[in-house]
Amino acid sequence: MNHELGALVAQLDGVLVGKRAQLQLAVCCLVAGGHLLIDDLPGVGKTTLAQALARSFGLAFTRVQFTSDLLPGDLLGVSMPEPGGGGFRFHPGPVFTQILLADEINRAPPKTQSALLEAMEEGQVSVDGRSHPLPEPFFVIATQNPHDQRGTYALPESQLDRFLMCLSLGYPDAAAERSLLLGEDRRELLRRLPPLLDRDRLEQLQRQAQQVHVAPALADYVQRLLGASRDSRGLLTGLSPRAGLALLRAARAHALLQAREYCGPEDVQAVLPAVAVHRLVAVGESTPGGPAVDAQLQELVQRTAL
């Protein structure tokens, strides 16, 4: 494993015990330059993981608690008149940071959710007809609760597609849960968590990930996976070309995490569930993801030739 990224995963593992596979994928997501959605029940560590990632990557971050009364201007910023009639001045909102923790994003109304779209895709926001660039790098780490909980608004497919990966943490196993019960308070651990990277080193790692070699045979395999998803009778729609690009980006970052200069089928298979689950809807379901999509992805991998 890459020494720097391995140390980062190990540090995260000391905070969120027993979730090493998910931690590796979360690190891959940011190294690939993508936004991360953490979808799970309350109380399983979604916010803790987001805060630990921000601190470990050594980037400025802001947490916004998404609520039913959060307005787009509360997130993006507003133009206010200057005293003395000197025109208007833009006052940046909390989105002007390097890592935005959008906590419980699906508790905000759709209009506020959609305000993030331009920021996530273009790295800028538009207010009163003027564009304002965001700091670089810019990541959104969003958490959301299950759609069937009261007070939630399902994210539209266009916004879900802006997230490179979607992870679920699940309940800890018995040993990890006992460690949590008897161990140090997670908030104290987070406060003492040192940054292991900085902006310049992260950008170097991102460039290295982009240079990881993808052989034509591997590109053929990815195309077969995309085609199999579109032909699947268990899925309403298949994976788009954008999803294929996202899959390769994530697979390259996974190969870098494993300290390899080439990308293999095992890298594609390792990241496929996290890249695809929020982009697919199973037959008989109305929202993306869920156990039915997980089962379809497993079957898809099994019946697609390497």
Protein backbone atom coordinates (compact mmCIF):
# COMPACT_ATOMS: atom_id res chain seq x y z
CA MET A 1 0.00 0.00 0.00
CA ASN A 2 1.13 3.58 -0.71
CA HIS A 3 2.95 4.71 2.44
CA GLU A 4 1.31 8.14 2.79
CA LEU A 5 -2.20 7.01 1.94
CA GLY A 6 -1.80 3.89 4.06
CA ALA A 7 -0.89 6.04 7.05
CA LEU A 8 -3.94 8.20 6.40
CA VAL A 9 -6.24 5.17 6.28
CA ALA A 10 -4.67 3.86 9.51
CA GLN A 11 -5.32 7.19 11.24
CA LEU A 12 -8.95 7.16 10.13
CA ASP A 13 -9.24 3.56 11.34
CA GLY A 14 -8.31 4.74 14.82
CA VAL A 15 -11.36 6.98 14.86
CA LEU A 16 -13.93 4.90 12.96
CA VAL A 17 -13.11 1.39 14.12
CA GLY A 18 -13.82 -1.68 12.02
CA LYS A 19 -14.63 0.06 8.73
CA ARG A 20 -11.31 -0.17 6.90
CA ALA A 21 -12.80 -1.07 3.51
CA GLN A 22 -15.09 1.97 3.56
CA LEU A 23 -12.22 4.18 4.75
CA GLN A 24 -10.04 3.10 1.82
CA LEU A 25 -12.84 3.92 -0.61
CA ALA A 26 -13.38 7.33 1.01
CA VAL A 27 -9.69 8.15 0.63
CA CYS A 28 -9.78 6.97 -3.00
CA CYS A 29 -12.75 9.26 -3.65
CA LEU A 30 -10.92 12.41 -2.53
CA VAL A 31 -7.66 11.44 -4.22
CA ALA A 32 -9.67 10.98 -7.42
CA GLY A 33 -10.99 14.53 -6.97
CA GLY A 34 -14.59 13.46 -6.42
CA HIS A 35 -17.40 14.33 -4.05
CA LEU A 36 -18.49 11.77 -1.45
CA LEU A 37 -21.99 10.87 -0.25
CA ILE A 38 -22.35 8.87 2.98
CA ASP A 39 -25.81 7.31 3.16
CA ASP A 40 -26.85 5.49 6.33
CA LEU A 41 -28.87 5.49 9.51
CA PRO A 42 -28.26 8.17 12.16
CA GLY A 43 -25.62 7.39 14.75
CA VAL A 44 -23.32 5.03 12.80
CA GLY A 45 -20.47 7.52 12.28
CA LYS A 46 -21.27 9.41 9.07
CA THR A 47 -20.40 12.85 10.44
CA THR A 48 -17.39 11.50 12.34
CA LEU A 49 -15.96 10.05 9.12
CA ALA A 50 -16.51 13.31 7.24
CA GLN A 51 -14.78 15.36 9.95
CA ALA A 52 -11.90 12.89 10.21
CA LEU A 53 -11.35 12.99 6.44
CA ALA A 54 -11.26 16.79 6.42
CA ARG A 55 -8.76 16.97 9.27
CA SER A 56 -6.52 14.20 7.94
CA PHE A 57 -6.30 15.76 4.47
CA GLY A 58 -5.17 19.03 6.04
CA LEU A 59 -7.74 21.20 4.27
CA ALA A 60 -9.96 24.01 5.48
CA PHE A 61 -13.46 22.74 6.06
CA THR A 62 -16.86 24.05 7.03
CA ARG A 63 -19.80 22.12 8.37
CA VAL A 64 -23.32 23.14 7.39
CA GLN A 65 -26.27 21.46 9.08
CA PHE A 66 -28.89 21.14 6.35
CA THR A 67 -32.36 21.85 7.73
CA SER A 68 -35.81 22.41 6.29
CA ASP A 69 -35.44 26.20 6.55
CA LEU A 70 -31.96 26.47 4.98
CA LEU A 71 -32.09 28.84 1.99
CA PRO A 72 -29.74 28.88 -1.04
CA GLY A 73 -28.38 32.26 0.08
CA ASP A 74 -27.50 30.79 3.47
CA LEU A 75 -25.23 28.36 1.65
CA LEU A 76 -23.86 30.34 -1.32
CA GLY A 77 -23.78 33.88 0.04
CA VAL A 78 -25.63 37.08 -0.76
CA SER A 79 -25.01 40.51 -2.28
CA MET A 80 -25.62 43.30 0.21
CA PRO A 81 -25.81 47.05 -0.42
CA GLU A 82 -22.78 49.03 0.70
CA PRO A 83 -23.30 51.86 3.17
CA GLY A 84 -23.53 55.25 1.52
CA GLY A 85 -24.88 53.96 -1.78
CA GLY A 86 -21.63 52.43 -2.96
CA GLY A 87 -23.27 49.59 -4.84
CA PHE A 88 -23.49 45.96 -3.79
CA ARG A 89 -20.85 43.72 -2.24
CA PHE A 90 -20.90 39.94 -2.32
CA HIS A 91 -20.62 38.24 1.07
CA PRO A 92 -19.48 34.62 0.55
CA GLY A 93 -21.40 31.85 2.24
CA PRO A 94 -20.02 28.71 3.93
CA VAL A 95 -19.65 26.96 0.56
CA PHE A 96 -16.44 28.97 0.07
CA THR A 97 -14.16 26.43 1.69
CA GLN A 98 -12.03 23.47 0.61
CA ILE A 99 -14.13 20.73 2.17
CA LEU A 100 -17.82 21.38 2.72
CA LEU A 101 -19.48 18.97 5.11
CA ALA A 102 -23.13 19.01 4.07
CA ASP A 103 -24.60 17.25 7.09
CA GLU A 104 -27.97 15.52 6.52
CA ILE A 105 -28.19 17.02 3.04
CA ASN A 106 -31.57 15.45 2.35
CA ARG A 107 -33.23 17.36 5.19
CA ALA A 108 -32.97 20.59 3.15
CA PRO A 109 -35.64 21.44 0.57
CA PRO A 110 -34.92 20.69 -3.12
CA LYS A 111 -34.21 24.33 -3.99
CA THR A 112 -31.34 24.44 -1.50
CA GLN A 113 -30.06 21.01 -2.58
CA SER A 114 -29.94 22.17 -6.20
CA ALA A 115 -27.94 25.25 -5.18
CA LEU A 116 -25.00 22.89 -4.71
CA LEU A 117 -25.13 21.58 -8.30
CA GLU A 118 -23.09 24.33 -9.96
CA ALA A 119 -20.59 24.38 -7.11
CA MET A 120 -20.03 20.62 -7.33
CA GLU A 121 -19.76 20.50 -11.11
CA GLU A 122 -18.10 23.80 -12.03
CA GLY A 123 -16.22 24.85 -8.90
CA GLN A 124 -18.05 28.19 -8.83
CA VAL A 125 -21.34 29.72 -7.79
CA SER A 126 -23.47 32.35 -9.53
CA VAL A 127 -25.25 35.02 -7.49
CA ASP A 128 -27.13 37.93 -9.04
CA GLY A 129 -25.72 37.12 -12.48
CA ARG A 130 -22.07 37.09 -11.39
CA SER A 131 -19.84 34.02 -11.05
CA HIS A 132 -17.62 33.55 -8.04
CA PRO A 133 -14.89 30.86 -8.14
CA LEU A 134 -14.57 28.52 -5.17
CA PRO A 135 -11.27 27.71 -3.44
CA GLU A 136 -9.21 24.83 -4.84
CA PRO A 137 -9.46 22.01 -4.16
CA PHE A 138 -13.18 21.91 -3.41
CA PHE A 139 -14.90 18.79 -2.13
CA VAL A 140 -18.38 18.12 -0.87
CA ILE A 141 -18.71 15.38 1.73
CA ALA A 142 -22.44 14.95 2.28
CA THR A 143 -24.28 12.74 4.73
CA GLN A 144 -27.88 11.70 4.34
CA ASN A 145 -30.42 9.62 6.23
CA PRO A 146 -32.65 6.95 4.68
CA HIS A 147 -35.40 8.38 2.47
CA ASP A 148 -38.20 6.81 4.50
CA GLN A 149 -37.35 8.85 7.59
CA ARG A 150 -39.60 11.81 8.35
CA GLY A 151 -38.43 15.24 7.22
CA THR A 152 -36.24 14.07 4.34
CA TYR A 153 -36.30 15.06 0.66
CA ALA A 154 -34.84 12.59 -1.83
CA LEU A 155 -31.89 13.98 -3.80
CA PRO A 156 -32.67 14.28 -7.53
CA GLU A 157 -30.78 11.99 -9.90
CA SER A 158 -28.92 14.97 -11.39
CA GLN A 159 -27.42 15.77 -8.00
CA LEU A 160 -26.71 12.16 -7.04
CA ASP A 161 -24.73 11.84 -10.26
CA ARG A 162 -22.39 14.62 -9.09
CA PHE A 163 -21.10 12.38 -6.29
CA LEU A 164 -18.24 10.16 -7.39
CA MET A 165 -18.98 7.62 -4.65
CA CYS A 166 -21.72 6.71 -2.21
CA LEU A 167 -20.82 4.72 0.91
CA SER A 168 -22.80 3.08 3.68
CA LEU A 169 -21.14 2.27 7.00
CA GLY A 170 -23.62 -0.06 8.67
CA TYR A 171 -23.56 -1.19 12.28
CA PRO A 172 -20.14 -2.11 13.73
CA ASP A 173 -19.31 -5.70 14.57
CA ALA A 174 -19.22 -6.77 18.22
CA ALA A 175 -15.49 -6.16 18.72
CA ALA A 176 -15.54 -2.71 17.09
CA GLU A 177 -18.65 -1.70 19.04
CA ARG A 178 -17.06 -2.72 22.33
CA SER A 179 -13.98 -0.68 21.44
CA LEU A 180 -16.24 2.31 20.84
CA LEU A 181 -18.11 1.82 24.10
CA LEU A 182 -15.00 1.53 26.24
CA GLY A 183 -12.68 3.79 24.25
CA GLU A 184 -12.03 7.52 24.22
CA ASP A 185 -14.74 9.94 23.16
CA ARG A 186 -14.71 10.37 19.37
CA ARG A 187 -14.93 14.15 19.68
CA GLU A 188 -11.71 14.22 21.69
CA LEU A 189 -10.00 12.03 19.12
CA LEU A 190 -11.13 14.32 16.31
CA ARG A 191 -9.82 17.42 18.08
CA ARG A 192 -6.35 15.88 18.33
CA LEU A 193 -6.27 14.42 14.83
CA PRO A 194 -3.21 15.80 12.99
CA PRO A 195 -3.21 16.64 9.27
CA LEU A 196 -1.16 14.08 7.33
CA LEU A 197 -1.34 15.85 3.95
CA ASP A 198 -1.56 19.40 2.72
CA ARG A 199 -3.01 21.01 -0.39
CA ASP A 200 0.19 20.75 -2.46
CA ARG A 201 0.79 17.09 -1.63
CA LEU A 202 -2.83 16.22 -2.29
CA GLU A 203 -2.62 17.84 -5.72
CA GLN A 204 0.52 15.81 -6.45
CA LEU A 205 -1.25 12.60 -5.48
CA GLN A 206 -4.21 13.53 -7.65
CA ARG A 207 -1.90 14.03 -10.63
CA GLN A 208 -0.24 10.67 -9.92
CA ALA A 209 -3.66 9.02 -9.86
CA GLN A 210 -4.52 10.51 -13.25
CA GLN A 211 -1.30 9.05 -14.68
CA VAL A 212 -1.98 5.48 -13.52
CA HIS A 213 -1.92 3.36 -16.69
CA VAL A 214 -5.16 1.92 -18.06
CA ALA A 215 -4.55 -0.75 -20.71
CA PRO A 216 -6.92 -1.10 -23.68
CA ALA A 217 -7.98 -4.52 -22.35
CA LEU A 218 -9.11 -2.92 -19.08
CA ALA A 219 -11.05 -0.24 -20.96
CA ASP A 220 -12.76 -3.10 -22.85
CA TYR A 221 -13.69 -4.68 -19.49
CA VAL A 222 -15.19 -1.43 -18.23
CA GLN A 223 -17.22 -1.12 -21.43
CA ARG A 224 -18.53 -4.66 -20.96
CA LEU A 225 -19.60 -3.78 -17.41
CA LEU A 226 -21.40 -0.67 -18.65
CA GLY A 227 -23.12 -2.65 -21.40
CA ALA A 228 -24.13 -5.41 -18.99
CA SER A 229 -25.75 -2.86 -16.67
CA ARG A 230 -27.79 -1.48 -19.58
CA ASP A 231 -28.91 -4.96 -20.61
CA SER A 232 -29.79 -6.09 -17.08
CA ARG A 233 -33.41 -7.07 -16.58
CA GLY A 234 -33.13 -6.24 -12.88
CA LEU A 235 -32.28 -2.56 -13.42
CA LEU A 236 -34.51 0.18 -14.77
CA THR A 237 -31.59 1.96 -16.46
CA GLY A 238 -27.91 1.22 -16.93
CA LEU A 239 -24.73 3.13 -16.19
CA SER A 240 -24.07 6.23 -18.30
CA PRO A 241 -20.81 7.17 -20.05
CA ARG A 242 -20.23 9.65 -17.21
CA ALA A 243 -20.47 6.76 -14.77
CA GLY A 244 -17.87 4.90 -16.83
CA LEU A 245 -15.49 7.86 -16.57
CA ALA A 246 -16.12 8.03 -12.83
CA LEU A 247 -15.42 4.31 -12.52
CA LEU A 248 -12.02 4.67 -14.17
CA ARG A 249 -11.13 7.75 -12.08
CA ALA A 250 -11.91 5.86 -8.88
CA ALA A 251 -10.12 2.70 -10.07
CA ARG A 252 -6.96 4.69 -10.84
CA ALA A 253 -7.01 6.17 -7.33
CA HIS A 254 -7.50 2.68 -5.87
CA ALA A 255 -4.48 1.42 -7.80
CA LEU A 256 -2.43 4.34 -6.45
CA LEU A 257 -3.54 3.45 -2.92
CA GLN A 258 -2.17 -0.05 -3.58
CA ALA A 259 1.13 1.52 -4.75
CA ARG A 260 0.74 0.32 -8.34
CA GLU A 261 1.39 2.27 -11.54
CA TYR A 262 -1.22 0.35 -13.51
CA CYS A 263 -4.93 -0.26 -13.05
CA GLY A 264 -6.30 -3.79 -12.99
CA PRO A 265 -9.72 -5.47 -12.96
CA GLU A 266 -9.45 -5.87 -9.19
CA ASP A 267 -9.34 -2.07 -8.85
CA VAL A 268 -12.45 -1.66 -11.00
CA GLN A 269 -14.30 -4.34 -9.02
CA ALA A 270 -13.24 -2.80 -5.69
CA VAL A 271 -14.74 0.61 -6.47
CA LEU A 272 -17.69 -0.43 -8.67
CA PRO A 273 -20.31 -0.76 -5.88
CA ALA A 274 -19.51 2.66 -4.40
CA VAL A 275 -19.42 4.34 -7.82
CA ALA A 276 -22.57 2.70 -9.19
CA VAL A 277 -24.99 2.13 -6.32
CA HIS A 278 -26.45 5.67 -6.22
CA ARG A 279 -26.72 5.79 -10.02
CA LEU A 280 -28.95 2.73 -10.43
CA VAL A 281 -32.57 1.92 -9.64
CA ALA A 282 -33.69 -1.69 -9.34
CA VAL A 283 -36.86 -2.93 -11.02
CA GLY A 284 -39.75 -2.51 -8.59
CA GLU A 285 -38.05 0.30 -6.66
CA SER A 286 -38.59 4.06 -6.87
CA THR A 287 -35.24 5.34 -5.51
CA PRO A 288 -31.61 4.54 -6.34
CA GLY A 289 -29.52 2.11 -4.33
CA GLY A 290 -30.61 -0.44 -1.79
CA PRO A 291 -30.04 -4.20 -1.40
CA ALA A 292 -31.62 -4.97 -4.76
CA VAL A 293 -29.07 -2.81 -6.59
CA ASP A 294 -26.25 -4.36 -4.53
CA ALA A 295 -27.38 -7.82 -5.61
CA GLN A 296 -27.60 -6.76 -9.27
CA LEU A 297 -24.07 -5.35 -9.15
CA GLN A 298 -22.71 -8.60 -7.70
CA GLU A 299 -24.43 -10.57 -10.45
CA LEU A 300 -23.17 -8.12 -13.07
CA VAL A 301 -19.54 -8.66 -12.01
CA GLN A 302 -19.95 -12.44 -11.91
CA ARG A 303 -21.35 -12.69 -15.44
CA THR A 304 -19.04 -10.15 -17.13
CA ALA A 305 -15.94 -11.72 -18.60
CA LEU A 306 -12.56 -10.24 -17.72
